[in-house]
C-alpha atoms as a PDB file:
ATOM      1  CA  UNK A   1     -32.832 -17.600  20.805  1.00  0.00           C
ATOM      2  CA  UNK A   2     -36.358 -16.951  21.539  1.00  0.00           C
ATOM      3  CA  UNK A   3     -37.178 -16.587  25.195  1.00  0.00           C
ATOM      4  CA  UNK A   4     -40.876 -17.074  24.336  1.00  0.00           C
ATOM      5  CA  UNK A   5     -40.442 -20.521  22.747  1.00  0.00           C
ATOM      6  CA  UNK A   6     -38.214 -22.045  25.512  1.00  0.00           C
ATOM      7  CA  UNK A   7     -35.925 -23.338  22.686  1.00  0.00           C
ATOM      8  CA  UNK A   8     -33.276 -25.893  23.406  1.00  0.00           C
ATOM      9  CA  UNK A   9     -31.164 -24.192  20.649  1.00  0.00           C
ATOM     10  CA  UNK A  10     -28.721 -21.399  21.224  1.00  0.00           C
ATOM     11  CA  UNK A  11     -27.156 -19.086  18.608  1.00  0.00           C
ATOM     12  CA  UNK A  12     -23.321 -19.296  18.510  1.00  0.00           C
ATOM     13  CA  UNK A  13     -20.724 -17.946  16.051  1.00  0.00           C
ATOM     14  CA  UNK A  14     -18.358 -19.861  13.860  1.00  0.00           C
ATOM     15  CA  UNK A  15     -15.107 -18.519  12.569  1.00  0.00           C
ATOM     16  CA  UNK A  16     -14.244 -20.461   9.395  1.00  0.00           C
ATOM     17  CA  UNK A  17     -10.610 -21.133   8.762  1.00  0.00           C
ATOM     18  CA  UNK A  18     -11.217 -22.541   5.297  1.00  0.00           C
ATOM     19  CA  UNK A  19      -9.357 -20.773   2.431  1.00  0.00           C
ATOM     20  CA  UNK A  20     -11.561 -18.174   0.635  1.00  0.00           C
ATOM     21  CA  UNK A  21     -14.291 -18.381   3.332  1.00  0.00           C
ATOM     22  CA  UNK A  22     -14.386 -14.795   4.804  1.00  0.00           C
ATOM     23  CA  UNK A  23     -17.913 -14.810   6.109  1.00  0.00           C
ATOM     24  CA  UNK A  24     -18.473 -15.115   9.785  1.00  0.00           C
ATOM     25  CA  UNK A  25     -22.004 -16.193  10.991  1.00  0.00           C
ATOM     26  CA  UNK A  26     -23.821 -16.997  14.209  1.00  0.00           C
ATOM     27  CA  UNK A  27     -25.194 -20.530  13.996  1.00  0.00           C
ATOM     28  CA  UNK A  28     -27.887 -22.453  15.957  1.00  0.00           C
ATOM     29  CA  UNK A  29     -26.640 -25.239  18.272  1.00  0.00           C
ATOM     30  CA  UNK A  30     -28.175 -27.183  21.094  1.00  0.00           C
ATOM     31  CA  UNK A  31     -27.691 -25.334  24.394  1.00  0.00           C
ATOM     32  CA  UNK A  32     -26.241 -28.445  26.286  1.00  0.00           C
ATOM     33  CA  UNK A  33     -23.645 -28.847  23.548  1.00  0.00           C
ATOM     34  CA  UNK A  34     -22.484 -25.223  24.034  1.00  0.00           C
ATOM     35  CA  UNK A  35     -21.781 -25.954  27.761  1.00  0.00           C
ATOM     36  CA  UNK A  36     -20.006 -29.047  26.903  1.00  0.00           C
ATOM     37  CA  UNK A  37     -17.912 -27.389  24.342  1.00  0.00           C
ATOM     38  CA  UNK A  38     -16.933 -24.566  26.779  1.00  0.00           C
ATOM     39  CA  UNK A  39     -15.925 -27.075  29.536  1.00  0.00           C
ATOM     40  CA  UNK A  40     -14.342 -29.728  27.289  1.00  0.00           C
ATOM     41  CA  UNK A  41     -13.294 -27.863  24.192  1.00  0.00           C
ATOM     42  CA  UNK A  42     -15.189 -30.302  22.054  1.00  0.00           C
ATOM     43  CA  UNK A  43     -16.621 -29.248  18.661  1.00  0.00           C
ATOM     44  CA  UNK A  44     -20.301 -28.613  18.116  1.00  0.00           C
ATOM     45  CA  UNK A  45     -22.571 -29.122  15.197  1.00  0.00           C
ATOM     46  CA  UNK A  46     -24.988 -26.408  13.912  1.00  0.00           C
ATOM     47  CA  UNK A  47     -28.346 -26.941  12.401  1.00  0.00           C
ATOM     48  CA  UNK A  48     -26.748 -26.344   8.983  1.00  0.00           C
ATOM     49  CA  UNK A  49     -24.128 -29.070   9.587  1.00  0.00           C
ATOM     50  CA  UNK A  50     -21.189 -26.786  10.276  1.00  0.00           C
ATOM     51  CA  UNK A  51     -18.753 -28.280  12.867  1.00  0.00           C
ATOM     52  CA  UNK A  52     -16.458 -26.009  14.978  1.00  0.00           C
ATOM     53  CA  UNK A  53     -15.388 -25.093  18.501  1.00  0.00           C
ATOM     54  CA  UNK A  54     -17.112 -21.796  19.357  1.00  0.00           C
ATOM     55  CA  UNK A  55     -14.929 -19.012  20.570  1.00  0.00           C
ATOM     56  CA  UNK A  56     -16.699 -15.713  19.581  1.00  0.00           C
ATOM     57  CA  UNK A  57     -19.508 -13.555  20.712  1.00  0.00           C
ATOM     58  CA  UNK A  58     -22.524 -14.596  18.479  1.00  0.00           C
ATOM     59  CA  UNK A  59     -24.195 -11.072  18.951  1.00  0.00           C
ATOM     60  CA  UNK A  60     -21.494  -9.579  16.699  1.00  0.00           C
ATOM     61  CA  UNK A  61     -22.397 -11.580  13.599  1.00  0.00           C
ATOM     62  CA  UNK A  62     -25.422 -12.124  11.405  1.00  0.00           C
ATOM     63  CA  UNK A  63     -27.279 -15.426  11.757  1.00  0.00           C
ATOM     64  CA  UNK A  64     -26.450 -18.134   9.212  1.00  0.00           C
ATOM     65  CA  UNK A  65     -29.191 -18.125   6.573  1.00  0.00           C
ATOM     66  CA  UNK A  66     -29.388 -21.955   6.401  1.00  0.00           C
ATOM     67  CA  UNK A  67     -29.583 -22.281  10.227  1.00  0.00           C
ATOM     68  CA  UNK A  68     -32.263 -19.625  10.384  1.00  0.00           C
ATOM     69  CA  UNK A  69     -34.306 -21.367   7.638  1.00  0.00           C
ATOM     70  CA  UNK A  70     -34.085 -24.755   9.557  1.00  0.00           C
ATOM     71  CA  UNK A  71     -34.795 -23.058  12.983  1.00  0.00           C
ATOM     72  CA  UNK A  72     -37.827 -21.241  11.483  1.00  0.00           C
ATOM     73  CA  UNK A  73     -39.159 -24.605  10.287  1.00  0.00           C
ATOM     74  CA  UNK A  74     -38.970 -26.318  13.634  1.00  0.00           C
ATOM     75  CA  UNK A  75     -42.368 -26.675  15.300  1.00  0.00           C
ATOM     76  CA  UNK A  76     -43.155 -26.270  18.926  1.00  0.00           C
ATOM     77  CA  UNK A  77     -43.750 -29.535  20.865  1.00  0.00           C
ATOM     78  CA  UNK A  78     -47.491 -30.203  21.549  1.00  0.00           C
ATOM     79  CA  UNK A  79     -48.763 -31.138  25.036  1.00  0.00           C
ATOM     80  CA  UNK A  80     -47.266 -34.523  25.954  1.00  0.00           C
ATOM     81  CA  UNK A  81     -44.399 -34.359  23.279  1.00  0.00           C
ATOM     82  CA  UNK A  82     -40.847 -33.901  24.213  1.00  0.00           C
END
């Protein structure tokens, strides 16, 4: 997550339990959803659409290419926009 942009997204990791899916990636998710997930144990939805309950250190895994592409395409809010 970029400190410079003040982003509302946070990078978290997903561990897939689907057969044949051995890749682990960090994904971008809204920060407030990470807190909610940590407290309530509810699943989060990444920019790429992946749904899971985060439980790993995202710093240990590469960023999901699809999440990164979407994140890079997000524009900064202009003055007066939310």
